[in-house]
């Protein structure tokens, strides 16, 4: 079983990370510090910048791309929301 600390992604001061979300929706939850998150824009919606602090989260659509930067440092989790799971379908497929 994975521990809470093993499920945390860490960003060092000033470090940036690009993530492609999926398969399925995700929720990014900030556990420590502060994150500057930029969601990739589309024709119908421009790019969006968000500031998230410890205890805050944001829903991310499947197939979206985000860039995260720590301000000054941060730890976060990338969670699969219960509503995104369908039995025996990625990302919630049961182990054999």
Protein backbone atom coordinates (compact mmCIF):
# COMPACT_ATOMS: atom_id res chain seq x y z
CA UNK A 1 0.00 0.00 0.00
CA UNK A 2 1.26 3.47 -0.89
CA UNK A 3 1.79 5.94 1.96
CA UNK A 4 0.64 9.56 1.94
CA UNK A 5 4.21 10.84 1.55
CA UNK A 6 4.82 8.53 -1.43
CA UNK A 7 1.79 10.01 -3.19
CA UNK A 8 3.17 13.58 -3.01
CA UNK A 9 4.87 15.25 -5.96
CA UNK A 10 7.44 17.83 -4.86
CA UNK A 11 8.51 21.02 -6.61
CA UNK A 12 11.68 22.79 -5.46
CA UNK A 13 11.89 26.60 -5.31
CA UNK A 14 11.34 27.98 -8.82
CA UNK A 15 10.97 24.48 -10.36
CA UNK A 16 8.39 24.07 -13.15
CA UNK A 17 6.68 20.91 -14.43
CA UNK A 18 4.45 20.21 -17.42
CA UNK A 19 1.77 17.51 -17.12
CA UNK A 20 -0.65 16.01 -19.62
CA UNK A 21 -3.79 14.89 -17.78
CA UNK A 22 -5.36 11.49 -18.38
CA UNK A 23 -6.66 9.10 -19.14
CA UNK A 24 -9.65 10.47 -17.28
CA UNK A 25 -10.12 13.59 -15.21
CA UNK A 26 -7.85 14.38 -12.26
CA UNK A 27 -7.89 16.67 -9.25
CA UNK A 28 -4.69 18.49 -8.33
CA UNK A 29 -4.58 19.07 -4.56
CA UNK A 30 -1.85 21.24 -3.02
CA UNK A 31 -0.56 19.76 0.25
CA UNK A 32 2.24 22.24 1.04
CA UNK A 33 3.42 25.59 -0.24
CA UNK A 34 1.97 27.45 -3.21
CA UNK A 35 1.61 26.53 -6.91
CA UNK A 36 1.23 28.73 -9.96
CA UNK A 37 -0.76 26.63 -12.45
CA UNK A 38 -1.35 27.52 -16.10
CA UNK A 39 -3.99 25.53 -17.98
CA UNK A 40 -3.47 25.25 -21.74
CA UNK A 41 -5.96 27.28 -23.75
CA UNK A 42 -8.21 26.21 -26.62
CA UNK A 43 -10.12 28.05 -29.34
CA UNK A 44 -13.21 28.31 -27.10
CA UNK A 45 -11.29 29.10 -23.88
CA UNK A 46 -8.05 31.05 -23.43
CA UNK A 47 -5.21 29.84 -21.21
CA UNK A 48 -5.90 30.35 -17.52
CA UNK A 49 -3.52 31.07 -14.64
CA UNK A 50 -4.40 30.00 -11.10
CA UNK A 51 -2.65 30.40 -7.76
CA UNK A 52 -3.27 27.49 -5.38
CA UNK A 53 -2.18 27.29 -1.76
CA UNK A 54 -2.01 24.35 0.65
CA UNK A 55 -5.49 22.91 1.12
CA UNK A 56 -6.80 24.12 -2.26
CA UNK A 57 -7.48 21.97 -5.31
CA UNK A 58 -8.58 22.25 -8.92
CA UNK A 59 -10.35 19.84 -11.28
CA UNK A 60 -8.43 19.04 -14.47
CA UNK A 61 -10.10 17.66 -17.59
CA UNK A 62 -8.79 14.56 -19.34
CA UNK A 63 -6.51 15.50 -22.23
CA UNK A 64 -5.68 18.92 -20.83
CA UNK A 65 -2.13 20.14 -20.34
CA UNK A 66 -0.96 22.16 -17.36
CA UNK A 67 2.29 23.81 -16.31
CA UNK A 68 3.01 24.09 -12.58
CA UNK A 69 5.60 26.21 -10.84
CA UNK A 70 6.42 26.27 -7.12
CA UNK A 71 6.28 29.62 -5.30
CA UNK A 72 8.57 29.20 -3.41
CA UNK A 73 8.25 25.40 -3.02
CA UNK A 74 5.29 23.03 -3.10
CA UNK A 75 4.04 19.49 -2.70
CA UNK A 76 0.87 18.26 -4.39
CA UNK A 77 -1.14 15.17 -5.23
CA UNK A 78 -2.69 14.28 -8.58
CA UNK A 79 -5.88 12.44 -7.63
CA UNK A 80 -8.47 10.44 -9.57
CA UNK A 81 -11.87 11.79 -8.49
CA UNK A 82 -14.46 9.10 -7.72
CA UNK A 83 -16.75 10.38 -10.48
CA UNK A 84 -14.01 9.71 -13.06
CA UNK A 85 -14.00 5.97 -12.33
CA UNK A 86 -16.05 3.48 -14.28
CA UNK A 87 -15.71 -0.17 -13.24
CA UNK A 88 -12.82 -1.95 -14.99
CA UNK A 89 -11.95 1.09 -17.14
CA UNK A 90 -8.74 3.14 -16.96
CA UNK A 91 -7.70 4.81 -14.72
CA UNK A 92 -9.60 2.68 -12.18
CA UNK A 93 -9.18 -0.81 -13.64
CA UNK A 94 -9.01 -3.52 -11.00
CA UNK A 95 -5.79 -5.46 -10.56
CA UNK A 96 -5.84 -9.02 -11.96
